[in-house]
Amino acid sequence: MVVLSSEAKSALESMQSERGEAVVRLSARQVCDCGKIGFDLSWESHPSSDDLAESQGPLRLIYDRESEPYVSGLEVGYRDELMGKSFTFYNPNLKNGGGCGREFK
């Protein structure tokens, strides 16, 4: 299950009000050979029937089966700082690995 901070949930709900029926797609992918995993959020109007889904209040989060092991337990935060706004991602199931990133336990 994905854990959304109250700030992340509020930001996504606000964005969703502008997007109608779109759902939040969460993707995980390996970004380098050392095992570092990167996460992306996007909006999707027509999810695939193969996608996995979970509800977070009025939000519907979807992700593909390849992302599932990395998304399970993921904590999504949100920062609104002087230099900009951004979502943050932390998964306690990931541990430090390689010289430049993380690897999956």
PDB file of N, CA and C in Angstrom:
ATOM      1  N   MET A   1       0.836  -1.183   0.000  1.00  0.00           N
ATOM      2  CA  MET A   1       0.000   0.000   0.000  1.00  0.00           C
ATOM      3  C   MET A   1       0.883   1.249   0.000  1.00  0.00           C
ATOM      4  N   VAL A   2       0.473   2.239  -0.740  1.00  0.00           N
ATOM      5  CA  VAL A   2       1.163   3.524  -0.804  1.00  0.00           C
ATOM      6  C   VAL A   2       0.657   4.400   0.341  1.00  0.00           C
ATOM      7  N   VAL A   3       1.567   5.110   0.984  1.00  0.00           N
ATOM      8  CA  VAL A   3       1.215   6.014   2.073  1.00  0.00           C
ATOM      9  C   VAL A   3       1.408   7.445   1.580  1.00  0.00           C
ATOM     10  N   LEU A   4       0.323   8.210   1.524  1.00  0.00           N
ATOM     11  CA  LEU A   4       0.394   9.616   1.123  1.00  0.00           C
ATOM     12  C   LEU A   4       0.408  10.487   2.370  1.00  0.00           C
ATOM     13  N   SER A   5       1.352  11.419   2.454  1.00  0.00           N
ATOM     14  CA  SER A   5       1.317  12.389   3.551  1.00  0.00           C
ATOM     15  C   SER A   5       0.083  13.262   3.357  1.00  0.00           C
ATOM     16  N   SER A   6      -0.326  13.946   4.397  1.00  0.00           N
ATOM     17  CA  SER A   6      -1.499  14.818   4.274  1.00  0.00           C
ATOM     18  C   SER A   6      -1.250  15.915   3.240  1.00  0.00           C
ATOM     19  N   GLU A   7      -0.006  16.400   3.148  1.00  0.00           N
ATOM     20  CA  GLU A   7       0.333  17.437   2.163  1.00  0.00           C
ATOM     21  C   GLU A   7       0.257  16.884   0.736  1.00  0.00           C
ATOM     22  N   ALA A   8       0.770  15.673   0.534  1.00  0.00           N
ATOM     23  CA  ALA A   8       0.727  15.058  -0.803  1.00  0.00           C
ATOM     24  C   ALA A   8      -0.714  14.775  -1.210  1.00  0.00           C
ATOM     25  N   LYS A   9      -1.484  14.258  -0.296  1.00  0.00           N
ATOM     26  CA  LYS A   9      -2.888  13.954  -0.590  1.00  0.00           C
ATOM     27  C   LYS A   9      -3.652  15.223  -0.944  1.00  0.00           C
ATOM     28  N   SER A  10      -3.448  16.274  -0.178  1.00  0.00           N
ATOM     29  CA  SER A  10      -4.113  17.552  -0.439  1.00  0.00           C
ATOM     30  C   SER A  10      -3.719  18.119  -1.804  1.00  0.00           C
ATOM     31  N   ALA A  11      -2.421  18.060  -2.134  1.00  0.00           N
ATOM     32  CA  ALA A  11      -1.944  18.574  -3.425  1.00  0.00           C
ATOM     33  C   ALA A  11      -2.539  17.771  -4.578  1.00  0.00           C
ATOM     34  N   LEU A  12      -2.555  16.447  -4.457  1.00  0.00           N
ATOM     35  CA  LEU A  12      -3.114  15.607  -5.514  1.00  0.00           C
ATOM     36  C   LEU A  12      -4.616  15.809  -5.665  1.00  0.00           C
ATOM     37  N   GLU A  13      -5.326  15.945  -4.556  1.00  0.00           N
ATOM     38  CA  GLU A  13      -6.772  16.190  -4.625  1.00  0.00           C
ATOM     39  C   GLU A  13      -7.061  17.515  -5.305  1.00  0.00           C
ATOM     40  N   SER A  14      -6.253  18.526  -5.004  1.00  0.00           N
ATOM     41  CA  SER A  14      -6.426  19.833  -5.648  1.00  0.00           C
ATOM     42  C   SER A  14      -6.183  19.732  -7.151  1.00  0.00           C
ATOM     43  N   MET A  15      -5.129  19.013  -7.543  1.00  0.00           N
ATOM     44  CA  MET A  15      -4.826  18.837  -8.962  1.00  0.00           C
ATOM     45  C   MET A  15      -5.908  18.017  -9.657  1.00  0.00           C
ATOM     46  N   GLN A  16      -6.442  17.023  -8.959  1.00  0.00           N
ATOM     47  CA  GLN A  16      -7.458  16.165  -9.556  1.00  0.00           C
ATOM     48  C   GLN A  16      -8.731  16.952  -9.857  1.00  0.00           C
ATOM     49  N   SER A  17      -9.037  17.941  -9.045  1.00  0.00           N
ATOM     50  CA  SER A  17     -10.250  18.729  -9.283  1.00  0.00           C
ATOM     51  C   SER A  17     -10.201  19.426 -10.636  1.00  0.00           C
ATOM     52  N   GLU A  18      -8.990  19.652 -11.170  1.00  0.00           N
ATOM     53  CA  GLU A  18      -8.824  20.278 -12.477  1.00  0.00           C
ATOM     54  C   GLU A  18      -8.802  19.250 -13.609  1.00  0.00           C
ATOM     55  N   ARG A  19      -8.718  17.959 -13.264  1.00  0.00           N
ATOM     56  CA  ARG A  19      -8.543  16.913 -14.276  1.00  0.00           C
ATOM     57  C   ARG A  19      -9.735  15.977 -14.411  1.00  0.00           C
ATOM     58  N   GLY A  20     -10.797  16.233 -13.708  1.00  0.00           N
ATOM     59  CA  GLY A  20     -11.995  15.413 -13.843  1.00  0.00           C
ATOM     60  C   GLY A  20     -11.800  13.988 -13.371  1.00  0.00           C
ATOM     61  N   GLU A  21     -12.024  13.040 -14.263  1.00  0.00           N
ATOM     62  CA  GLU A  21     -11.992  11.622 -13.912  1.00  0.00           C
ATOM     63  C   GLU A  21     -10.609  10.980 -14.002  1.00  0.00           C
ATOM     64  N   ALA A  22      -9.580  11.740 -14.267  1.00  0.00           N
ATOM     65  CA  ALA A  22      -8.234  11.176 -14.396  1.00  0.00           C
ATOM     66  C   ALA A  22      -7.784  10.547 -13.077  1.00  0.00           C
ATOM     67  N   VAL A  23      -6.960   9.523 -13.193  1.00  0.00           N
ATOM     68  CA  VAL A  23      -6.402   8.852 -12.025  1.00  0.00           C
ATOM     69  C   VAL A  23      -4.896   9.114 -11.968  1.00  0.00           C
ATOM     70  N   VAL A  24      -4.317   8.901 -10.813  1.00  0.00           N
ATOM     71  CA  VAL A  24      -2.886   9.129 -10.613  1.00  0.00           C
ATOM     72  C   VAL A  24      -2.124   7.850 -10.954  1.00  0.00           C
ATOM     73  N   ARG A  25      -1.214   7.944 -11.923  1.00  0.00           N
ATOM     74  CA  ARG A  25      -0.347   6.800 -12.253  1.00  0.00           C
ATOM     75  C   ARG A  25       0.974   6.984 -11.516  1.00  0.00           C
ATOM     76  N   LEU A  26       1.358   5.958 -10.797  1.00  0.00           N
ATOM     77  CA  LEU A  26       2.627   5.917 -10.081  1.00  0.00           C
ATOM     78  C   LEU A  26       3.500   4.885 -10.778  1.00  0.00           C
ATOM     79  N   SER A  27       4.684   5.300 -11.200  1.00  0.00           N
ATOM     80  CA  SER A  27       5.605   4.411 -11.912  1.00  0.00           C
ATOM     81  C   SER A  27       6.930   4.346 -11.182  1.00  0.00           C
ATOM     82  N   ALA A  28       7.507   3.156 -11.167  1.00  0.00           N
ATOM     83  CA  ALA A  28       8.843   2.954 -10.600  1.00  0.00           C
ATOM     84  C   ALA A  28       9.705   2.359 -11.693  1.00  0.00           C
ATOM     85  N   ARG A  29      10.940   2.833 -11.767  1.00  0.00           N
ATOM     86  CA  ARG A  29      11.842   2.295 -12.777  1.00  0.00           C
ATOM     87  C   ARG A  29      13.272   2.389 -12.265  1.00  0.00           C
ATOM     88  N   GLN A  30      14.088   1.471 -12.719  1.00  0.00           N
ATOM     89  CA  GLN A  30      15.500   1.507 -12.371  1.00  0.00           C
ATOM     90  C   GLN A  30      16.151   2.605 -13.201  1.00  0.00           C
ATOM     91  N   VAL A  31      16.907   3.490 -12.550  1.00  0.00           N
ATOM     92  CA  VAL A  31      17.480   4.634 -13.263  1.00  0.00           C
ATOM     93  C   VAL A  31      18.974   4.502 -13.533  1.00  0.00           C
ATOM     94  N   CYS A  32      19.626   3.483 -12.966  1.00  0.00           N
ATOM     95  CA  CYS A  32      21.034   3.248 -13.283  1.00  0.00           C
ATOM     96  C   CYS A  32      21.394   1.806 -12.957  1.00  0.00           C
ATOM     97  N   ASP A  33      22.573   1.391 -13.363  1.00  0.00           N
ATOM     98  CA  ASP A  33      22.989  -0.001 -13.183  1.00  0.00           C
ATOM     99  C   ASP A  33      23.215  -0.402 -11.727  1.00  0.00           C
ATOM    100  N   CYS A  34      23.354   0.565 -10.824  1.00  0.00           N
ATOM    101  CA  CYS A  34      23.606   0.226  -9.428  1.00  0.00           C
ATOM    102  C   CYS A  34      22.325  -0.159  -8.698  1.00  0.00           C
ATOM    103  N   GLY A  35      21.170  -0.012  -9.352  1.00  0.00           N
ATOM    104  CA  GLY A  35      19.914  -0.415  -8.747  1.00  0.00           C
ATOM    105  C   GLY A  35      19.054   0.732  -8.251  1.00  0.00           C
ATOM    106  N   LYS A  36      19.471   1.964  -8.444  1.00  0.00           N
ATOM    107  CA  LYS A  36      18.682   3.097  -7.966  1.00  0.00           C
ATOM    108  C   LYS A  36      17.319   3.099  -8.653  1.00  0.00           C
ATOM    109  N   ILE A  37      16.269   3.293  -7.861  1.00  0.00           N
ATOM    110  CA  ILE A  37      14.902   3.311  -8.366  1.00  0.00           C
ATOM    111  C   ILE A  37      14.390   4.742  -8.362  1.00  0.00           C
ATOM    112  N   GLY A  38      13.794   5.152  -9.470  1.00  0.00           N
ATOM    113  CA  GLY A  38      13.169   6.468  -9.583  1.00  0.00           C
ATOM    114  C   GLY A  38      11.663   6.313  -9.644  1.00  0.00           C
ATOM    115  N   PHE A  39      10.942   7.291  -9.151  1.00  0.00           N
ATOM    116  CA  PHE A  39       9.487   7.265  -9.133  1.00  0.00           C
ATOM    117  C   PHE A  39       8.936   8.463  -9.898  1.00  0.00           C
ATOM    118  N   ASP A  40       7.821   8.237 -10.567  1.00  0.00           N
ATOM    119  CA  ASP A  40       7.141   9.301 -11.302  1.00  0.00           C
ATOM    120  C   ASP A  40       5.656   9.265 -10.999  1.00  0.00           C
ATOM    121  N   LEU A  41       5.044  10.449 -10.967  1.00  0.00           N
ATOM    122  CA  LEU A  41       3.590  10.586 -10.869  1.00  0.00           C
ATOM    123  C   LEU A  41       3.103  11.231 -12.155  1.00  0.00           C
ATOM    124  N   SER A  42       1.991  10.746 -12.676  1.00  0.00           N
ATOM    125  CA  SER A  42       1.380  11.362 -13.848  1.00  0.00           C
ATOM    126  C   SER A  42      -0.125  11.135 -13.769  1.00  0.00           C
ATOM    127  N   TRP A  43      -0.844  11.781 -14.669  1.00  0.00           N
ATOM    128  CA  TRP A  43      -2.298  11.639 -14.716  1.00  0.00           C
ATOM    129  C   TRP A  43      -2.670  10.818 -15.935  1.00  0.00           C
ATOM    130  N   GLU A  44      -3.658   9.956 -15.756  1.00  0.00           N
ATOM    131  CA  GLU A  44      -4.078   9.105 -16.859  1.00  0.00           C
ATOM    132  C   GLU A  44      -5.598   9.032 -16.905  1.00  0.00           C
ATOM    133  N   SER A  45      -6.141   9.221 -18.103  1.00  0.00           N
ATOM    134  CA  SER A  45      -7.587   9.182 -18.279  1.00  0.00           C
ATOM    135  C   SER A  45      -8.118   7.786 -18.554  1.00  0.00           C
ATOM    136  N   HIS A  46      -7.282   6.938 -19.153  1.00  0.00           N
ATOM    137  CA  HIS A  46      -7.737   5.600 -19.540  1.00  0.00           C
ATOM    138  C   HIS A  46      -6.746   4.542 -19.067  1.00  0.00           C
ATOM    139  N   PRO A  47      -6.830   4.142 -17.778  1.00  0.00           N
ATOM    140  CA  PRO A  47      -5.909   3.126 -17.283  1.00  0.00           C
ATOM    141  C   PRO A  47      -6.145   1.785 -17.972  1.00  0.00           C
ATOM    142  N   SER A  48      -5.117   0.968 -17.996  1.00  0.00           N
ATOM    143  CA  SER A  48      -5.186  -0.369 -18.570  1.00  0.00           C
ATOM    144  C   SER A  48      -5.905  -1.309 -17.608  1.00  0.00           C
ATOM    145  N   SER A  49      -6.555  -2.301 -18.150  1.00  0.00           N
ATOM    146  CA  SER A  49      -7.232  -3.294 -17.302  1.00  0.00           C
ATOM    147  C   SER A  49      -6.220  -4.141 -16.531  1.00  0.00           C
ATOM    148  N   ASP A  50      -4.950  -4.137 -16.948  1.00  0.00           N
ATOM    149  CA  ASP A  50      -3.898  -4.879 -16.256  1.00  0.00           C
ATOM    150  C   ASP A  50      -3.309  -4.113 -15.074  1.00  0.00           C
ATOM    151  N   ASP A  51      -3.641  -2.819 -14.948  1.00  0.00           N
ATOM    152  CA  ASP A  51      -3.090  -2.007 -13.867  1.00  0.00           C
ATOM    153  C   ASP A  51      -3.635  -2.452 -12.515  1.00  0.00           C
ATOM    154  N   LEU A  52      -2.813  -2.301 -11.509  1.00  0.00           N
ATOM    155  CA  LEU A  52      -3.241  -2.503 -10.127  1.00  0.00           C
ATOM    156  C   LEU A  52      -3.707  -1.150  -9.608  1.00  0.00           C
ATOM    157  N   ALA A  53      -4.686  -1.149  -8.721  1.00  0.00           N
ATOM    158  CA  ALA A  53      -5.252   0.110  -8.248  1.00  0.00           C
ATOM    159  C   ALA A  53      -5.485   0.063  -6.744  1.00  0.00           C
ATOM    160  N   GLU A  54      -5.415   1.222  -6.140  1.00  0.00           N
ATOM    161  CA  GLU A  54      -5.813   1.381  -4.741  1.00  0.00           C
ATOM    162  C   GLU A  54      -6.415   2.756  -4.568  1.00  0.00           C
ATOM    163  N   SER A  55      -7.351   2.846  -3.655  1.00  0.00           N
ATOM    164  CA  SER A  55      -8.024   4.121  -3.403  1.00  0.00           C
ATOM    165  C   SER A  55      -7.459   4.763  -2.148  1.00  0.00           C
ATOM    166  N   GLN A  56      -7.324   6.074  -2.219  1.00  0.00           N
ATOM    167  CA  GLN A  56      -6.885   6.884  -1.084  1.00  0.00           C
ATOM    168  C   GLN A  56      -7.909   8.002  -0.957  1.00  0.00           C
ATOM    169  N   GLY A  57      -9.011   7.708  -0.279  1.00  0.00           N
ATOM    170  CA  GLY A  57     -10.111   8.666  -0.230  1.00  0.00           C
ATOM    171  C   GLY A  57     -10.654   8.852  -1.633  1.00  0.00           C
ATOM    172  N   PRO A  58     -10.774  10.098  -2.091  1.00  0.00           N
ATOM    173  CA  PRO A  58     -11.293  10.329  -3.441  1.00  0.00           C
ATOM    174  C   PRO A  58     -10.274  10.065  -4.550  1.00  0.00           C
ATOM    175  N   LEU A  59      -9.017   9.834  -4.185  1.00  0.00           N
ATOM    176  CA  LEU A  59      -7.975   9.582  -5.181  1.00  0.00           C
ATOM    177  C   LEU A  59      -7.906   8.106  -5.532  1.00  0.00           C
ATOM    178  N   ARG A  60      -7.635   7.836  -6.796  1.00  0.00           N
ATOM    179  CA  ARG A  60      -7.386   6.469  -7.240  1.00  0.00           C
ATOM    180  C   ARG A  60      -5.972   6.424  -7.792  1.00  0.00           C
ATOM    181  N   LEU A  61      -5.128   5.595  -7.174  1.00  0.00           N
ATOM    182  CA  LEU A  61      -3.747   5.414  -7.609  1.00  0.00           C
ATOM    183  C   LEU A  61      -3.654   4.116  -8.407  1.00  0.00           C
ATOM    184  N   ILE A  62      -2.954   4.172  -9.533  1.00  0.00           N
ATOM    185  CA  ILE A  62      -2.742   2.975 -10.333  1.00  0.00           C
ATOM    186  C   ILE A  62      -1.249   2.797 -10.590  1.00  0.00           C
ATOM    187  N   TYR A  63      -0.843   1.561 -10.810  1.00  0.00           N
ATOM    188  CA  TYR A  63       0.540   1.268 -11.164  1.00  0.00           C
ATOM    189  C   TYR A  63       0.566  -0.075 -11.866  1.00  0.00           C
ATOM    190  N   ASP A  64       1.603  -0.292 -12.660  1.00  0.00           N
ATOM    191  CA  ASP A  64       1.707  -1.547 -13.397  1.00  0.00           C
ATOM    192  C   ASP A  64       2.354  -2.610 -12.512  1.00  0.00           C
ATOM    193  N   ARG A  65       2.267  -3.852 -12.952  1.00  0.00           N
ATOM    194  CA  ARG A  65       2.780  -4.984 -12.155  1.00  0.00           C
ATOM    195  C   ARG A  65       4.293  -4.919 -11.945  1.00  0.00           C
ATOM    196  N   GLU A  66       5.026  -4.351 -12.903  1.00  0.00           N
ATOM    197  CA  GLU A  66       6.472  -4.243 -12.760  1.00  0.00           C
ATOM    198  C   GLU A  66       6.850  -3.262 -11.650  1.00  0.00           C
ATOM    199  N   SER A  67       6.006  -2.265 -11.422  1.00  0.00           N
ATOM    200  CA  SER A  67       6.269  -1.264 -10.383  1.00  0.00           C
ATOM    201  C   SER A  67       5.837  -1.732  -8.999  1.00  0.00           C
ATOM    202  N   GLU A  68       4.975  -2.725  -8.940  1.00  0.00           N
ATOM    203  CA  GLU A  68       4.377  -3.138  -7.666  1.00  0.00           C
ATOM    204  C   GLU A  68       5.382  -3.412  -6.545  1.00  0.00           C
ATOM    205  N   PRO A  69       6.468  -4.151  -6.768  1.00  0.00           N
ATOM    206  CA  PRO A  69       7.389  -4.414  -5.649  1.00  0.00           C
ATOM    207  C   PRO A  69       8.032  -3.143  -5.089  1.00  0.00           C
ATOM    208  N   TYR A  70       8.215  -2.135  -5.910  1.00  0.00           N
ATOM    209  CA  TYR A  70       8.854  -0.890  -5.489  1.00  0.00           C
ATOM    210  C   TYR A  70       7.855   0.095  -4.895  1.00  0.00           C
ATOM    211  N   VAL A  71       6.596  -0.034  -5.305  1.00  0.00           N
ATOM    212  CA  VAL A  71       5.545   0.866  -4.848  1.00  0.00           C
ATOM    213  C   VAL A  71       4.991   0.415  -3.496  1.00  0.00           C
ATOM    214  N   SER A  72       5.043  -0.869  -3.219  1.00  0.00           N
ATOM    215  CA  SER A  72       4.522  -1.390  -1.962  1.00  0.00           C
ATOM    216  C   SER A  72       5.284  -0.785  -0.783  1.00  0.00           C
ATOM    217  N   GLY A  73       4.587  -0.069   0.072  1.00  0.00           N
ATOM    218  CA  GLY A  73       5.196   0.585   1.226  1.00  0.00           C
ATOM    219  C   GLY A  73       5.744   1.975   0.952  1.00  0.00           C
ATOM    220  N   LEU A  74       5.618   2.439  -0.290  1.00  0.00           N
ATOM    221  CA  LEU A  74       6.147   3.746  -0.674  1.00  0.00           C
ATOM    222  C   LEU A  74       5.460   4.869   0.096  1.00  0.00           C
ATOM    223  N   GLU A  75       6.248   5.802   0.592  1.00  0.00           N
ATOM    224  CA  GLU A  75       5.730   6.993   1.276  1.00  0.00           C
ATOM    225  C   GLU A  75       5.925   8.188   0.344  1.00  0.00           C
ATOM    226  N   VAL A  76       4.819   8.850   0.009  1.00  0.00           N
ATOM    227  CA  VAL A  76       4.858  10.003  -0.884  1.00  0.00           C
ATOM    228  C   VAL A  76       4.601  11.254  -0.063  1.00  0.00           C
ATOM    229  N   GLY A  77       5.535  12.197  -0.143  1.00  0.00           N
ATOM    230  CA  GLY A  77       5.400  13.469   0.551  1.00  0.00           C
ATOM    231  C   GLY A  77       5.282  14.596  -0.454  1.00  0.00           C
ATOM    232  N   TYR A  78       5.130  15.805   0.048  1.00  0.00           N
ATOM    233  CA  TYR A  78       5.013  16.973  -0.822  1.00  0.00           C
ATOM    234  C   TYR A  78       5.679  18.145  -0.136  1.00  0.00           C
ATOM    235  N   ARG A  79       6.525  18.863  -0.889  1.00  0.00           N
ATOM    236  CA  ARG A  79       7.207  20.050  -0.358  1.00  0.00           C
ATOM    237  C   ARG A  79       6.783  21.272  -1.154  1.00  0.00           C
ATOM    238  N   ASP A  80       6.491  22.327  -0.453  1.00  0.00           N
ATOM    239  CA  ASP A  80       6.191  23.619  -1.066  1.00  0.00           C
ATOM    240  C   ASP A  80       7.198  24.597  -0.484  1.00  0.00           C
ATOM    241  N   GLU A  81       8.300  24.809  -1.245  1.00  0.00           N
ATOM    242  CA  GLU A  81       9.409  25.615  -0.765  1.00  0.00           C
ATOM    243  C   GLU A  81       9.626  26.824  -1.658  1.00  0.00           C
ATOM    244  N   LEU A  82      10.482  27.680  -1.228  1.00  0.00           N
ATOM    245  CA  LEU A  82      10.790  28.893  -1.965  1.00  0.00           C
ATOM    246  C   LEU A  82      11.219  28.607  -3.402  1.00  0.00           C
ATOM    247  N   MET A  83      11.992  27.548  -3.597  1.00  0.00           N
ATOM    248  CA  MET A  83      12.512  27.214  -4.928  1.00  0.00           C
ATOM    249  C   MET A  83      11.539  26.388  -5.760  1.00  0.00           C
ATOM    250  N   GLY A  84      10.379  26.033  -5.204  1.00  0.00           N
ATOM    251  CA  GLY A  84       9.392  25.291  -5.983  1.00  0.00           C
ATOM    252  C   GLY A  84       8.664  24.243  -5.169  1.00  0.00           C
ATOM    253  N   LYS A  85       7.744  23.583  -5.844  1.00  0.00           N
ATOM    254  CA  LYS A  85       6.934  22.533  -5.236  1.00  0.00           C
ATOM    255  C   LYS A  85       7.336  21.204  -5.850  1.00  0.00           C
ATOM    256  N   SER A  86       7.349  20.161  -5.012  1.00  0.00           N
ATOM    257  CA  SER A  86       7.712  18.848  -5.548  1.00  0.00           C
ATOM    258  C   SER A  86       7.184  17.733  -4.646  1.00  0.00           C
ATOM    259  N   PHE A  87       6.993  16.575  -5.252  1.00  0.00           N
ATOM    260  CA  PHE A  87       6.646  15.377  -4.506  1.00  0.00           C
ATOM    261  C   PHE A  87       7.948  14.683  -4.126  1.00  0.00           C
ATOM    262  N   THR A  88       7.946  14.034  -2.977  1.00  0.00           N
ATOM    263  CA  THR A  88       9.103  13.279  -2.517  1.00  0.00           C
ATOM    264  C   THR A  88       8.685  11.822  -2.370  1.00  0.00           C
ATOM    265  N   PHE A  89       9.642  10.924  -2.539  1.00  0.00           N
ATOM    266  CA  PHE A  89       9.364   9.498  -2.484  1.00  0.00           C
ATOM    267  C   PHE A  89      10.375   8.824  -1.571  1.00  0.00           C
ATOM    268  N   TYR A  90       9.877   7.998  -0.674  1.00  0.00           N
ATOM    269  CA  TYR A  90      10.745   7.224   0.206  1.00  0.00           C
ATOM    270  C   TYR A  90      10.108   5.853   0.416  1.00  0.00           C
ATOM    271  N   ASN A  91      10.876   4.812   0.208  1.00  0.00           N
ATOM    272  CA  ASN A  91      10.379   3.472   0.470  1.00  0.00           C
ATOM    273  C   ASN A  91      11.299   2.803   1.478  1.00  0.00           C
ATOM    274  N   PRO A  92      10.787   2.521   2.687  1.00  0.00           N
ATOM    275  CA  PRO A  92      11.620   1.889   3.707  1.00  0.00           C
ATOM    276  C   PRO A  92      12.061   0.479   3.312  1.00  0.00           C
ATOM    277  N   ASN A  93      11.462  -0.100   2.256  1.00  0.00           N
ATOM    278  CA  ASN A  93      11.866  -1.419   1.772  1.00  0.00           C
ATOM    279  C   ASN A  93      13.102  -1.347   0.881  1.00  0.00           C
ATOM    280  N   LEU A  94      13.556  -0.134   0.572  1.00  0.00           N
ATOM    281  CA  LEU A  94      14.768   0.047  -0.212  1.00  0.00           C
ATOM    282  C   LEU A  94      15.908   0.319   0.753  1.00  0.00           C
ATOM    283  N   LYS A  95      17.092  -0.175   0.416  1.00  0.00           N
ATOM    284  CA  LYS A  95      18.255   0.084   1.263  1.00  0.00           C
ATOM    285  C   LYS A  95      19.346   0.701   0.403  1.00  0.00           C
ATOM    286  N   ASN A  96      20.297   1.337   1.049  1.00  0.00           N
ATOM    287  CA  ASN A  96      21.422   1.920   0.287  1.00  0.00           C
ATOM    288  C   ASN A  96      22.142   0.823  -0.460  1.00  0.00           C
ATOM    289  N   GLY A  97      22.553   1.144  -1.656  1.00  0.00           N
ATOM    290  CA  GLY A  97      23.279   0.176  -2.460  1.00  0.00           C
ATOM    291  C   GLY A  97      24.118   0.915  -3.477  1.00  0.00           C
ATOM    292  N   GLY A  98      25.015   0.245  -4.110  1.00  0.00           N
ATOM    293  CA  GLY A  98      25.823   0.852  -5.160  1.00  0.00           C
ATOM    294  C   GLY A  98      26.483   2.130  -4.707  1.00  0.00           C
ATOM    295  N   GLY A  99      27.134   2.798  -5.627  1.00  0.00           N
ATOM    296  CA  GLY A  99      27.799   4.038  -5.292  1.00  0.00           C
ATOM    297  C   GLY A  99      26.922   5.251  -5.467  1.00  0.00           C
ATOM    298  N   CYS A 100      25.807   5.107  -6.187  1.00  0.00           N
ATOM    299  CA  CYS A 100      25.030   6.305  -6.502  1.00  0.00           C
ATOM    300  C   CYS A 100      23.548   6.162  -6.210  1.00  0.00           C
ATOM    301  N   GLY A 101      23.111   5.146  -5.497  1.00  0.00           N
ATOM    302  CA  GLY A 101      21.673   5.060  -5.305  1.00  0.00           C
ATOM    303  C   GLY A 101      21.249   3.997  -4.316  1.00  0.00           C
ATOM    304  N   ARG A 102      20.101   3.392  -4.612  1.00  0.00           N
ATOM    305  CA  ARG A 102      19.520   2.406  -3.731  1.00  0.00           C
ATOM    306  C   ARG A 102      19.244   1.133  -4.524  1.00  0.00           C
ATOM    307  N   GLU A 103      19.114   0.065  -3.780  1.00  0.00           N
ATOM    308  CA  GLU A 103      18.690  -1.172  -4.415  1.00  0.00           C
ATOM    309  C   GLU A 103      17.553  -1.759  -3.592  1.00  0.00           C
ATOM    310  N   PHE A 104      16.784  -2.616  -4.197  1.00  0.00           N
ATOM    311  CA  PHE A 104      15.640  -3.198  -3.522  1.00  0.00           C
ATOM    312  C   PHE A 104      16.105  -4.320  -2.612  1.00  0.00           C
ATOM    313  N   LYS A 105      15.559  -4.400  -1.395  1.00  0.00           N
ATOM    314  CA  LYS A 105      15.899  -5.466  -0.436  1.00  0.00           C
ATOM    315  C   LYS A 105      15.368  -6.791  -0.917  1.00  0.00           C
TER     316      LYS A 105
END
